[in-house]
Amino acid sequence: MRQTILGVFVGLILAGVGVFWWQGRAQVETNAPPPPEPEELAEADDVLPEVDPGDLTGPAPPEASELSREERRFFRYDRNRDRIITRNEMLSSRSNAFRKLDVDGNNLLTFEEWAVNTSERFSGMDADGNAELTQSEFATSAPRPRASRPACSC
């Protein structure tokens, strides 16, 4: 019972804070200057500002930065560079691995096709042929680490 009363009380406090915040924002917006008249906008579009910069020069344009690691990973999937990854773009990166598993080429991966591949992979890892993998044999199946680049280009 105490928790219910406390919950209602906290809810009322939060609702009151929300109302005061909302009213404060409404007052700020009512004090905003009125929009310009359409005639003023038309006159402003016709007149171009004239400025004599003299000997002043502006800042150099920014150089294009190298893509971050996350951007490179994103663009591996975004083939048409529209900054949106579609389902087909996401799946296309996996199609070569799927084709290797799909032996009969019917675009369906059966359990037998998967089992044959897994069995061959197990046989390749089992160096001594005793149908058991030791930790050192299993370690041979780990993905190869990428060549590390130096952190700086000194």
C-alpha atoms as a PDB file:
ATOM      1  CA  MET A   1       0.000   0.000   0.000  1.00  0.00           C
ATOM      2  CA  ARG A   2       2.846   2.350   0.888  1.00  0.00           C
ATOM      3  CA  GLN A   3       4.531   1.703  -2.475  1.00  0.00           C
ATOM      4  CA  THR A   4       1.338   2.573  -4.366  1.00  0.00           C
ATOM      5  CA  ILE A   5       0.891   5.864  -2.531  1.00  0.00           C
ATOM      6  CA  LEU A   6       4.569   6.699  -3.037  1.00  0.00           C
ATOM      7  CA  GLY A   7       4.288   5.870  -6.755  1.00  0.00           C
ATOM      8  CA  VAL A   8       1.243   8.114  -7.191  1.00  0.00           C
ATOM      9  CA  PHE A   9       2.982  10.935  -5.297  1.00  0.00           C
ATOM     10  CA  VAL A  10       6.159  10.691  -7.431  1.00  0.00           C
ATOM     11  CA  GLY A  11       4.025  10.570 -10.582  1.00  0.00           C
ATOM     12  CA  LEU A  12       2.224  13.768  -9.596  1.00  0.00           C
ATOM     13  CA  ILE A  13       5.521  15.507  -8.880  1.00  0.00           C
ATOM     14  CA  LEU A  14       6.920  14.491 -12.278  1.00  0.00           C
ATOM     15  CA  ALA A  15       3.738  15.617 -14.020  1.00  0.00           C
ATOM     16  CA  GLY A  16       3.937  18.997 -12.252  1.00  0.00           C
ATOM     17  CA  VAL A  17       7.576  19.474 -13.266  1.00  0.00           C
ATOM     18  CA  GLY A  18       6.627  18.621 -16.838  1.00  0.00           C
ATOM     19  CA  VAL A  19       3.810  21.183 -16.887  1.00  0.00           C
ATOM     20  CA  PHE A  20       6.076  23.947 -15.523  1.00  0.00           C
ATOM     21  CA  TRP A  21       8.778  23.097 -18.067  1.00  0.00           C
ATOM     22  CA  TRP A  22       6.228  23.093 -20.893  1.00  0.00           C
ATOM     23  CA  GLN A  23       4.806  26.464 -19.831  1.00  0.00           C
ATOM     24  CA  GLY A  24       8.305  27.949 -19.631  1.00  0.00           C
ATOM     25  CA  ARG A  25       9.049  26.876 -23.200  1.00  0.00           C
ATOM     26  CA  ALA A  26       5.734  28.339 -24.414  1.00  0.00           C
ATOM     27  CA  GLN A  27       6.593  31.756 -22.946  1.00  0.00           C
ATOM     28  CA  VAL A  28       9.987  31.801 -24.634  1.00  0.00           C
ATOM     29  CA  GLU A  29       8.401  30.998 -27.988  1.00  0.00           C
ATOM     30  CA  THR A  30       5.742  33.728 -27.638  1.00  0.00           C
ATOM     31  CA  ASN A  31       8.488  36.334 -27.133  1.00  0.00           C
ATOM     32  CA  ALA A  32      10.225  35.376 -30.394  1.00  0.00           C
ATOM     33  CA  PRO A  33      10.349  38.123 -33.064  1.00  0.00           C
ATOM     34  CA  PRO A  34       7.656  37.938 -35.750  1.00  0.00           C
ATOM     35  CA  PRO A  35       8.611  36.482 -39.129  1.00  0.00           C
ATOM     36  CA  PRO A  36       9.554  39.002 -41.828  1.00  0.00           C
ATOM     37  CA  GLU A  37       6.893  40.201 -44.233  1.00  0.00           C
ATOM     38  CA  PRO A  38       6.867  38.702 -47.753  1.00  0.00           C
ATOM     39  CA  GLU A  39       7.804  42.078 -49.262  1.00  0.00           C
ATOM     40  CA  GLU A  40      10.911  42.263 -47.067  1.00  0.00           C
ATOM     41  CA  LEU A  41      11.960  38.780 -48.164  1.00  0.00           C
ATOM     42  CA  ALA A  42      11.608  39.690 -51.846  1.00  0.00           C
ATOM     43  CA  GLU A  43      13.731  42.837 -51.375  1.00  0.00           C
ATOM     44  CA  ALA A  44      16.391  40.917 -49.451  1.00  0.00           C
ATOM     45  CA  ASP A  45      16.744  38.342 -52.257  1.00  0.00           C
ATOM     46  CA  ASP A  46      17.374  41.029 -54.902  1.00  0.00           C
ATOM     47  CA  VAL A  47      20.178  42.827 -53.055  1.00  0.00           C
ATOM     48  CA  LEU A  48      23.613  41.200 -52.867  1.00  0.00           C
ATOM     49  CA  PRO A  49      25.979  42.310 -50.098  1.00  0.00           C
ATOM     50  CA  GLU A  50      29.170  44.013 -51.182  1.00  0.00           C
ATOM     51  CA  VAL A  51      32.286  43.540 -49.070  1.00  0.00           C
ATOM     52  CA  ASP A  52      35.909  44.448 -49.709  1.00  0.00           C
ATOM     53  CA  PRO A  53      37.999  41.754 -47.965  1.00  0.00           C
ATOM     54  CA  GLY A  54      41.253  43.629 -48.533  1.00  0.00           C
ATOM     55  CA  ASP A  55      44.257  41.524 -47.542  1.00  0.00           C
ATOM     56  CA  LEU A  56      42.255  39.095 -45.439  1.00  0.00           C
ATOM     57  CA  THR A  57      42.378  35.408 -46.239  1.00  0.00           C
ATOM     58  CA  GLY A  58      40.028  32.799 -44.929  1.00  0.00           C
ATOM     59  CA  PRO A  59      40.988  29.586 -43.216  1.00  0.00           C
ATOM     60  CA  ALA A  60      42.305  26.719 -45.304  1.00  0.00           C
ATOM     61  CA  PRO A  61      39.652  24.219 -46.276  1.00  0.00           C
ATOM     62  CA  PRO A  62      39.656  21.109 -44.128  1.00  0.00           C
ATOM     63  CA  GLU A  63      41.469  18.107 -45.501  1.00  0.00           C
ATOM     64  CA  ALA A  64      39.557  14.938 -46.099  1.00  0.00           C
ATOM     65  CA  SER A  65      40.114  12.704 -43.128  1.00  0.00           C
ATOM     66  CA  GLU A  66      40.813   9.033 -43.423  1.00  0.00           C
ATOM     67  CA  LEU A  67      37.789   6.827 -42.777  1.00  0.00           C
ATOM     68  CA  SER A  68      37.433   5.484 -39.266  1.00  0.00           C
ATOM     69  CA  ARG A  69      37.473   1.770 -38.642  1.00  0.00           C
ATOM     70  CA  GLU A  70      33.683   1.707 -38.195  1.00  0.00           C
ATOM     71  CA  GLU A  71      33.131   3.647 -41.450  1.00  0.00           C
ATOM     72  CA  ARG A  72      35.342   1.210 -43.368  1.00  0.00           C
ATOM     73  CA  ARG A  73      33.374  -1.710 -41.917  1.00  0.00           C
ATOM     74  CA  PHE A  74      30.103   0.009 -42.870  1.00  0.00           C
ATOM     75  CA  PHE A  75      31.209   0.647 -46.460  1.00  0.00           C
ATOM     76  CA  ARG A  76      32.233  -2.992 -46.928  1.00  0.00           C
ATOM     77  CA  TYR A  77      28.520  -3.775 -46.825  1.00  0.00           C
ATOM     78  CA  ASP A  78      27.186  -0.569 -48.426  1.00  0.00           C
ATOM     79  CA  ARG A  79      28.093  -1.444 -52.025  1.00  0.00           C
ATOM     80  CA  ASN A  80      26.341   1.465 -53.771  1.00  0.00           C
ATOM     81  CA  ARG A  81      27.572   4.087 -51.231  1.00  0.00           C
ATOM     82  CA  ASP A  82      24.113   5.506 -50.489  1.00  0.00           C
ATOM     83  CA  ARG A  83      24.845   5.295 -46.736  1.00  0.00           C
ATOM     84  CA  ILE A  84      22.069   2.725 -46.297  1.00  0.00           C
ATOM     85  CA  ILE A  85      22.658  -1.011 -46.016  1.00  0.00           C
ATOM     86  CA  THR A  86      19.854  -3.030 -47.558  1.00  0.00           C
ATOM     87  CA  ARG A  87      19.178  -6.663 -46.757  1.00  0.00           C
ATOM     88  CA  ASN A  88      20.586  -7.754 -50.121  1.00  0.00           C
ATOM     89  CA  GLU A  89      23.787  -5.780 -49.550  1.00  0.00           C
ATOM     90  CA  MET A  90      24.179  -7.357 -46.117  1.00  0.00           C
ATOM     91  CA  LEU A  91      23.632 -10.878 -47.419  1.00  0.00           C
ATOM     92  CA  SER A  92      25.798 -10.456 -50.524  1.00  0.00           C
ATOM     93  CA  SER A  93      28.946 -10.459 -48.425  1.00  0.00           C
ATOM     94  CA  ARG A  94      28.083 -13.964 -47.239  1.00  0.00           C
ATOM     95  CA  SER A  95      27.095 -15.431 -50.615  1.00  0.00           C
ATOM     96  CA  ASN A  96      30.536 -16.862 -51.482  1.00  0.00           C
ATOM     97  CA  ALA A  97      30.727 -18.752 -48.187  1.00  0.00           C
ATOM     98  CA  PHE A  98      27.191 -20.052 -48.761  1.00  0.00           C
ATOM     99  CA  ARG A  99      28.031 -21.210 -52.300  1.00  0.00           C
ATOM    100  CA  LYS A 100      30.966 -23.220 -50.921  1.00  0.00           C
ATOM    101  CA  LEU A 101      28.612 -25.043 -48.556  1.00  0.00           C
ATOM    102  CA  ASP A 102      25.815 -25.495 -51.128  1.00  0.00           C
ATOM    103  CA  VAL A 103      27.394 -28.338 -53.101  1.00  0.00           C
ATOM    104  CA  ASP A 104      24.409 -29.151 -55.347  1.00  0.00           C
ATOM    105  CA  GLY A 105      23.756 -25.450 -56.169  1.00  0.00           C
ATOM    106  CA  ASN A 106      20.020 -25.427 -55.396  1.00  0.00           C
ATOM    107  CA  ASN A 107      20.311 -22.433 -52.998  1.00  0.00           C
ATOM    108  CA  LEU A 108      19.190 -24.649 -50.133  1.00  0.00           C
ATOM    109  CA  LEU A 109      21.641 -25.738 -47.478  1.00  0.00           C
ATOM    110  CA  THR A 110      20.717 -29.195 -46.272  1.00  0.00           C
ATOM    111  CA  PHE A 111      21.959 -30.784 -43.085  1.00  0.00           C
ATOM    112  CA  GLU A 112      24.007 -33.271 -45.110  1.00  0.00           C
ATOM    113  CA  GLU A 113      25.840 -30.488 -46.970  1.00  0.00           C
ATOM    114  CA  TRP A 114      26.594 -28.737 -43.693  1.00  0.00           C
ATOM    115  CA  ALA A 115      27.613 -31.997 -41.988  1.00  0.00           C
ATOM    116  CA  VAL A 116      30.031 -32.949 -44.785  1.00  0.00           C
ATOM    117  CA  ASN A 117      31.737 -29.566 -44.555  1.00  0.00           C
ATOM    118  CA  THR A 118      31.924 -29.730 -40.758  1.00  0.00           C
ATOM    119  CA  SER A 119      33.270 -33.291 -40.875  1.00  0.00           C
ATOM    120  CA  GLU A 120      35.970 -32.289 -43.363  1.00  0.00           C
ATOM    121  CA  ARG A 121      36.897 -29.325 -41.200  1.00  0.00           C
ATOM    122  CA  PHE A 122      37.138 -31.583 -38.129  1.00  0.00           C
ATOM    123  CA  SER A 123      39.335 -34.042 -40.028  1.00  0.00           C
ATOM    124  CA  GLY A 124      41.613 -31.201 -41.087  1.00  0.00           C
ATOM    125  CA  MET A 125      42.046 -30.090 -37.468  1.00  0.00           C
ATOM    126  CA  ASP A 126      42.597 -33.627 -36.111  1.00  0.00           C
ATOM    127  CA  ALA A 127      46.314 -33.935 -36.811  1.00  0.00           C
ATOM    128  CA  ASP A 128      46.879 -37.314 -35.133  1.00  0.00           C
ATOM    129  CA  GLY A 129      43.680 -38.879 -36.543  1.00  0.00           C
ATOM    130  CA  ASN A 130      42.307 -40.194 -33.225  1.00  0.00           C
ATOM    131  CA  ALA A 131      38.872 -38.497 -33.696  1.00  0.00           C
ATOM    132  CA  GLU A 132      39.528 -36.251 -30.698  1.00  0.00           C
ATOM    133  CA  LEU A 133      40.709 -32.662 -30.670  1.00  0.00           C
ATOM    134  CA  THR A 134      43.235 -31.482 -28.137  1.00  0.00           C
ATOM    135  CA  GLN A 135      43.496 -27.814 -27.247  1.00  0.00           C
ATOM    136  CA  SER A 136      46.485 -27.354 -29.550  1.00  0.00           C
ATOM    137  CA  GLU A 137      44.656 -29.052 -32.444  1.00  0.00           C
ATOM    138  CA  PHE A 138      41.551 -26.945 -31.850  1.00  0.00           C
ATOM    139  CA  ALA A 139      43.685 -23.784 -31.784  1.00  0.00           C
ATOM    140  CA  THR A 140      44.571 -24.400 -35.438  1.00  0.00           C
ATOM    141  CA  SER A 141      40.948 -23.577 -36.360  1.00  0.00           C
ATOM    142  CA  ALA A 142      41.121 -20.036 -34.943  1.00  0.00           C
ATOM    143  CA  PRO A 143      40.837 -17.251 -37.517  1.00  0.00           C
ATOM    144  CA  ARG A 144      44.175 -15.910 -38.603  1.00  0.00           C
ATOM    145  CA  PRO A 145      45.016 -12.543 -37.042  1.00  0.00           C
ATOM    146  CA  ARG A 146      45.315  -9.658 -39.423  1.00  0.00           C
ATOM    147  CA  ALA A 147      48.696  -8.090 -39.933  1.00  0.00           C
ATOM    148  CA  SER A 148      48.886  -5.263 -37.443  1.00  0.00           C
ATOM    149  CA  ARG A 149      49.799  -1.823 -38.676  1.00  0.00           C
ATOM    150  CA  PRO A 150      51.834   0.579 -36.607  1.00  0.00           C
ATOM    151  CA  ALA A 151      49.743   3.074 -34.659  1.00  0.00           C
ATOM    152  CA  CYS A 152      51.533   6.031 -36.231  1.00  0.00           C
ATOM    153  CA  SER A 153      53.173   6.675 -39.567  1.00  0.00           C
ATOM    154  CA  CYS A 154      56.462   7.812 -38.077  1.00  0.00           C
END
